[in-house]
Every structure is written in C-alpha cells, then in structure tokens.
C-alpha atoms as a PDB file:
ATOM      1  CA  UNK A   1      53.945 -20.277  72.067  1.00  0.00           C
ATOM      2  CA  UNK A   2      52.723 -16.933  73.375  1.00  0.00           C
ATOM      3  CA  UNK A   3      49.050 -16.352  72.714  1.00  0.00           C
ATOM      4  CA  UNK A   4      48.416 -12.823  71.480  1.00  0.00           C
ATOM      5  CA  UNK A   5      44.908 -13.103  70.055  1.00  0.00           C
ATOM      6  CA  UNK A   6      42.090 -15.352  71.291  1.00  0.00           C
ATOM      7  CA  UNK A   7      38.848 -15.691  69.350  1.00  0.00           C
ATOM      8  CA  UNK A   8      35.960 -16.521  71.693  1.00  0.00           C
ATOM      9  CA  UNK A   9      32.763 -17.777  70.039  1.00  0.00           C
ATOM     10  CA  UNK A  10      29.683 -16.773  72.052  1.00  0.00           C
ATOM     11  CA  UNK A  11      26.058 -17.582  71.292  1.00  0.00           C
ATOM     12  CA  UNK A  12      24.507 -15.294  73.916  1.00  0.00           C
ATOM     13  CA  UNK A  13      23.657 -18.087  76.350  1.00  0.00           C
ATOM     14  CA  UNK A  14      24.977 -18.737  79.868  1.00  0.00           C
ATOM     15  CA  UNK A  15      26.067 -22.172  78.648  1.00  0.00           C
ATOM     16  CA  UNK A  16      28.169 -20.520  75.959  1.00  0.00           C
ATOM     17  CA  UNK A  17      29.823 -18.254  78.522  1.00  0.00           C
ATOM     18  CA  UNK A  18      31.330 -21.251  80.372  1.00  0.00           C
ATOM     19  CA  UNK A  19      34.496 -20.730  78.302  1.00  0.00           C
ATOM     20  CA  UNK A  20      35.138 -17.255  79.742  1.00  0.00           C
ATOM     21  CA  UNK A  21      36.986 -18.209  82.972  1.00  0.00           C
ATOM     22  CA  UNK A  22      39.530 -20.186  80.931  1.00  0.00           C
ATOM     23  CA  UNK A  23      39.954 -17.307  78.495  1.00  0.00           C
ATOM     24  CA  UNK A  24      40.353 -14.862  81.358  1.00  0.00           C
ATOM     25  CA  UNK A  25      43.090 -17.032  82.877  1.00  0.00           C
ATOM     26  CA  UNK A  26      44.919 -17.236  79.529  1.00  0.00           C
ATOM     27  CA  UNK A  27      44.598 -13.551  78.585  1.00  0.00           C
ATOM     28  CA  UNK A  28      47.019 -12.206  81.152  1.00  0.00           C
ATOM     29  CA  UNK A  29      49.606 -10.703  78.814  1.00  0.00           C
ATOM     30  CA  UNK A  30      49.540  -6.963  78.136  1.00  0.00           C
ATOM     31  CA  UNK A  31      49.697  -7.839  74.470  1.00  0.00           C
ATOM     32  CA  UNK A  32      46.762 -10.264  74.431  1.00  0.00           C
ATOM     33  CA  UNK A  33      43.628  -9.297  72.531  1.00  0.00           C
ATOM     34  CA  UNK A  34      40.353 -11.135  73.033  1.00  0.00           C
ATOM     35  CA  UNK A  35      37.985 -11.194  70.063  1.00  0.00           C
ATOM     36  CA  UNK A  36      34.416 -11.787  71.212  1.00  0.00           C
ATOM     37  CA  UNK A  37      32.497 -13.221  68.261  1.00  0.00           C
ATOM     38  CA  UNK A  38      28.770 -13.726  67.848  1.00  0.00           C
ATOM     39  CA  UNK A  39      27.569 -15.392  64.646  1.00  0.00           C
ATOM     40  CA  UNK A  40      23.943 -14.650  63.748  1.00  0.00           C
ATOM     41  CA  UNK A  41      21.940 -16.394  61.039  1.00  0.00           C
ATOM     42  CA  UNK A  42      21.947 -14.564  57.726  1.00  0.00           C
ATOM     43  CA  UNK A  43      18.765 -12.508  57.438  1.00  0.00           C
ATOM     44  CA  UNK A  44      16.614 -12.942  54.335  1.00  0.00           C
ATOM     45  CA  UNK A  45      17.394 -10.763  51.293  1.00  0.00           C
ATOM     46  CA  UNK A  46      14.877  -8.074  52.180  1.00  0.00           C
ATOM     47  CA  UNK A  47      12.060  -7.740  54.681  1.00  0.00           C
ATOM     48  CA  UNK A  48       9.019  -5.483  54.809  1.00  0.00           C
ATOM     49  CA  UNK A  49       8.365  -3.786  58.152  1.00  0.00           C
ATOM     50  CA  UNK A  50       5.257  -1.670  57.917  1.00  0.00           C
ATOM     51  CA  UNK A  51       5.763   0.619  54.940  1.00  0.00           C
ATOM     52  CA  UNK A  52       9.551   0.224  54.991  1.00  0.00           C
ATOM     53  CA  UNK A  53      11.585  -2.283  53.035  1.00  0.00           C
ATOM     54  CA  UNK A  54      14.804  -3.304  54.820  1.00  0.00           C
ATOM     55  CA  UNK A  55      17.555  -4.710  52.657  1.00  0.00           C
ATOM     56  CA  UNK A  56      20.127  -7.284  53.770  1.00  0.00           C
ATOM     57  CA  UNK A  57      22.818  -4.777  54.778  1.00  0.00           C
ATOM     58  CA  UNK A  58      20.303  -2.768  56.831  1.00  0.00           C
ATOM     59  CA  UNK A  59      19.091  -5.923  58.594  1.00  0.00           C
ATOM     60  CA  UNK A  60      22.658  -6.967  59.362  1.00  0.00           C
ATOM     61  CA  UNK A  61      23.419  -3.530  60.790  1.00  0.00           C
ATOM     62  CA  UNK A  62      20.361  -3.706  63.062  1.00  0.00           C
ATOM     63  CA  UNK A  63      21.296  -7.196  64.306  1.00  0.00           C
ATOM     64  CA  UNK A  64      24.930  -6.159  64.877  1.00  0.00           C
ATOM     65  CA  UNK A  65      23.823  -3.101  66.870  1.00  0.00           C
ATOM     66  CA  UNK A  66      21.542  -5.326  68.979  1.00  0.00           C
ATOM     67  CA  UNK A  67      24.287  -7.912  69.732  1.00  0.00           C
ATOM     68  CA  UNK A  68      27.177  -5.492  70.368  1.00  0.00           C
ATOM     69  CA  UNK A  69      26.139  -4.420  73.943  1.00  0.00           C
ATOM     70  CA  UNK A  70      26.122  -8.086  75.059  1.00  0.00           C
ATOM     71  CA  UNK A  71      29.624  -8.625  73.675  1.00  0.00           C
ATOM     72  CA  UNK A  72      30.872  -5.358  75.184  1.00  0.00           C
ATOM     73  CA  UNK A  73      29.453  -6.382  78.571  1.00  0.00           C
ATOM     74  CA  UNK A  74      31.373  -9.666  78.352  1.00  0.00           C
ATOM     75  CA  UNK A  75      34.503  -7.688  77.460  1.00  0.00           C
ATOM     76  CA  UNK A  76      34.007  -5.567  80.576  1.00  0.00           C
ATOM     77  CA  UNK A  77      33.559  -8.718  82.693  1.00  0.00           C
ATOM     78  CA  UNK A  78      36.887 -10.005  81.427  1.00  0.00           C
ATOM     79  CA  UNK A  79      38.215  -6.796  82.947  1.00  0.00           C
ATOM     80  CA  UNK A  80      41.901  -6.194  83.413  1.00  0.00           C
ATOM     81  CA  UNK A  81      42.753  -9.783  82.490  1.00  0.00           C
ATOM     82  CA  UNK A  82      42.564  -8.964  78.798  1.00  0.00           C
ATOM     83  CA  UNK A  83      44.571  -6.003  77.596  1.00  0.00           C
ATOM     84  CA  UNK A  84      42.023  -5.462  74.857  1.00  0.00           C
ATOM     85  CA  UNK A  85      38.654  -6.949  73.985  1.00  0.00           C
ATOM     86  CA  UNK A  86      36.892  -6.388  70.686  1.00  0.00           C
ATOM     87  CA  UNK A  87      33.300  -7.264  69.772  1.00  0.00           C
ATOM     88  CA  UNK A  88      32.643  -8.840  66.367  1.00  0.00           C
ATOM     89  CA  UNK A  89      29.326  -9.836  64.802  1.00  0.00           C
ATOM     90  CA  UNK A  90      29.297 -12.022  61.695  1.00  0.00           C
ATOM     91  CA  UNK A  91      26.516 -13.657  59.705  1.00  0.00           C
ATOM     92  CA  UNK A  92      26.122 -17.136  58.268  1.00  0.00           C
ATOM     93  CA  UNK A  93      27.046 -20.671  59.259  1.00  0.00           C
ATOM     94  CA  UNK A  94      28.628 -20.497  62.747  1.00  0.00           C
ATOM     95  CA  UNK A  95      31.410 -23.043  62.143  1.00  0.00           C
ATOM     96  CA  UNK A  96      32.424 -21.463  58.841  1.00  0.00           C
ATOM     97  CA  UNK A  97      32.346 -17.931  60.247  1.00  0.00           C
ATOM     98  CA  UNK A  98      34.300 -18.874  63.383  1.00  0.00           C
ATOM     99  CA  UNK A  99      37.078 -20.466  61.317  1.00  0.00           C
ATOM    100  CA  UNK A 100      37.093 -17.684  58.692  1.00  0.00           C
ATOM    101  CA  UNK A 101      37.135 -14.942  61.331  1.00  0.00           C
ATOM    102  CA  UNK A 102      39.996 -16.660  63.184  1.00  0.00           C
ATOM    103  CA  UNK A 103      41.981 -16.760  59.949  1.00  0.00           C
ATOM    104  CA  UNK A 104      41.113 -13.178  58.931  1.00  0.00           C
ATOM    105  CA  UNK A 105      41.895 -11.766  62.387  1.00  0.00           C
ATOM    106  CA  UNK A 106      45.036 -13.927  62.776  1.00  0.00           C
ATOM    107  CA  UNK A 107      43.839 -15.533  66.011  1.00  0.00           C
ATOM    108  CA  UNK A 108      46.293 -17.817  67.813  1.00  0.00           C
ATOM    109  CA  UNK A 109      43.518 -19.771  69.534  1.00  0.00           C
ATOM    110  CA  UNK A 110      39.783 -20.369  69.163  1.00  0.00           C
ATOM    111  CA  UNK A 111      37.822 -20.891  72.398  1.00  0.00           C
ATOM    112  CA  UNK A 112      34.267 -22.212  72.589  1.00  0.00           C
ATOM    113  CA  UNK A 113      31.973 -24.459  74.576  1.00  0.00           C
ATOM    114  CA  UNK A 114      31.721 -28.045  73.361  1.00  0.00           C
ATOM    115  CA  UNK A 115      28.230 -29.102  72.394  1.00  0.00           C
ATOM    116  CA  UNK A 116      27.209 -31.851  74.831  1.00  0.00           C
ATOM    117  CA  UNK A 117      24.915 -33.582  72.323  1.00  0.00           C
ATOM    118  CA  UNK A 118      25.845 -37.114  71.446  1.00  0.00           C
ATOM    119  CA  UNK A 119      25.687 -38.176  67.865  1.00  0.00           C
ATOM    120  CA  UNK A 120      23.532 -41.197  67.234  1.00  0.00           C
ATOM    121  CA  UNK A 121      24.132 -43.317  64.182  1.00  0.00           C
ATOM    122  CA  UNK A 122      26.551 -43.140  61.312  1.00  0.00           C
ATOM    123  CA  UNK A 123      24.863 -40.288  59.456  1.00  0.00           C
ATOM    124  CA  UNK A 124      24.411 -37.828  62.324  1.00  0.00           C
ATOM    125  CA  UNK A 125      25.477 -34.253  61.722  1.00  0.00           C
ATOM    126  CA  UNK A 126      28.713 -33.156  63.338  1.00  0.00           C
ATOM    127  CA  UNK A 127      28.431 -30.719  66.231  1.00  0.00           C
ATOM    128  CA  UNK A 128      29.588 -27.132  65.863  1.00  0.00           C
ATOM    129  CA  UNK A 129      32.686 -27.858  67.964  1.00  0.00           C
ATOM    130  CA  UNK A 130      33.601 -30.870  65.810  1.00  0.00           C
ATOM    131  CA  UNK A 131      33.252 -28.827  62.632  1.00  0.00           C
ATOM    132  CA  UNK A 132      35.424 -26.024  64.019  1.00  0.00           C
ATOM    133  CA  UNK A 133      38.123 -28.431  65.238  1.00  0.00           C
ATOM    134  CA  UNK A 134      38.218 -30.155  61.836  1.00  0.00           C
ATOM    135  CA  UNK A 135      38.469 -26.906  59.861  1.00  0.00           C
ATOM    136  CA  UNK A 136      40.579 -24.626  62.052  1.00  0.00           C
ATOM    137  CA  UNK A 137      44.229 -23.972  61.300  1.00  0.00           C
ATOM    138  CA  UNK A 138      44.912 -22.920  64.921  1.00  0.00           C
ATOM    139  CA  UNK A 139      44.403 -24.758  68.230  1.00  0.00           C
ATOM    140  CA  UNK A 140      40.842 -24.917  69.572  1.00  0.00           C
ATOM    141  CA  UNK A 141      40.090 -24.803  73.300  1.00  0.00           C
ATOM    142  CA  UNK A 142      36.881 -26.717  74.047  1.00  0.00           C
ATOM    143  CA  UNK A 143      35.271 -26.252  77.451  1.00  0.00           C
ATOM    144  CA  UNK A 144      32.399 -28.326  78.775  1.00  0.00           C
ATOM    145  CA  UNK A 145      29.113 -26.523  79.342  1.00  0.00           C
ATOM    146  CA  UNK A 146      29.202 -27.216  83.097  1.00  0.00           C
ATOM    147  CA  UNK A 147      32.282 -25.049  83.765  1.00  0.00           C
ATOM    148  CA  UNK A 148      31.894 -22.200  86.239  1.00  0.00           C
ATOM    149  CA  UNK A 149      31.107 -18.731  84.872  1.00  0.00           C
ATOM    150  CA  UNK A 150      32.817 -15.424  85.513  1.00  0.00           C
END
C-alpha cells in the first residue's frame, strides 16, 4: 500500500514531536502529503475581554492563528521529505477529532506518540492512543515518547 496522506497529531510538546523522524522517513514520495494536526480544547461559548465580548468562532480563530506558526515550523523541519505539509487546527476531544479529521481528509495513516502512562485498575480511562487505535479506520503508527527528534 502506498501512503499518500499521513495525519500527524501534535500537541505542541517535544514529547509529541518524537513521531516526526518516522513520518519524515515515510513521507518520501512526491505524492505524499503530511497533515499536521493540533487539537485544542473547545473554548467556552463566549468570553469577555475588557469591553469586548468574543464569541466561540472568534475565539477559535484566535487560537488557530496562534497554533498555526508552530505547525508551519514543523512542516518546514520535515523539509523536502514531504512533498506537501498542511497545518490543521481542530477543537474538541483529541481522540474524536484525530479520527474524524483522518476520515474527512482521507488519510492513509495516523501517526502519534503513545502515551506512556500505565492504566491502573479495571476502570481506568483509556489513553489517547488507545482511543484512536480503537476508533480509527486506517492504520495508526504509535511511537514511544523517547524516540529521537528531528
């Protein structure tokens, strides 16, 4: 199977960037597109800042504008390895948004760093990586947080 579109979930941390060397190695085709996704928490319905009232769409626009330079910098670091890199910012539950974005963008692969937390007890919450793996309709590449960076 030739991979043409890789969705990379990034949280803005160095730990989260540990997946990038693997993605760079896989994105060698001229036809490969790398989708760099950051999922931010949904802002509240509206927020007062001084005398201004910011509504949800305005808050989301501000957050997206703030996150885009980070994602574009990562795209530049991927360099010539990826024919194209595109920055995406979504809002909501990270696992749900990663899976939905992969489906919407027709990604062939989802790449993210596995959460090293261990679950204790029967009723522990699943990690983000576990939730994505369970819900995704495409293969998921999980990389440990100790992998070398770009």
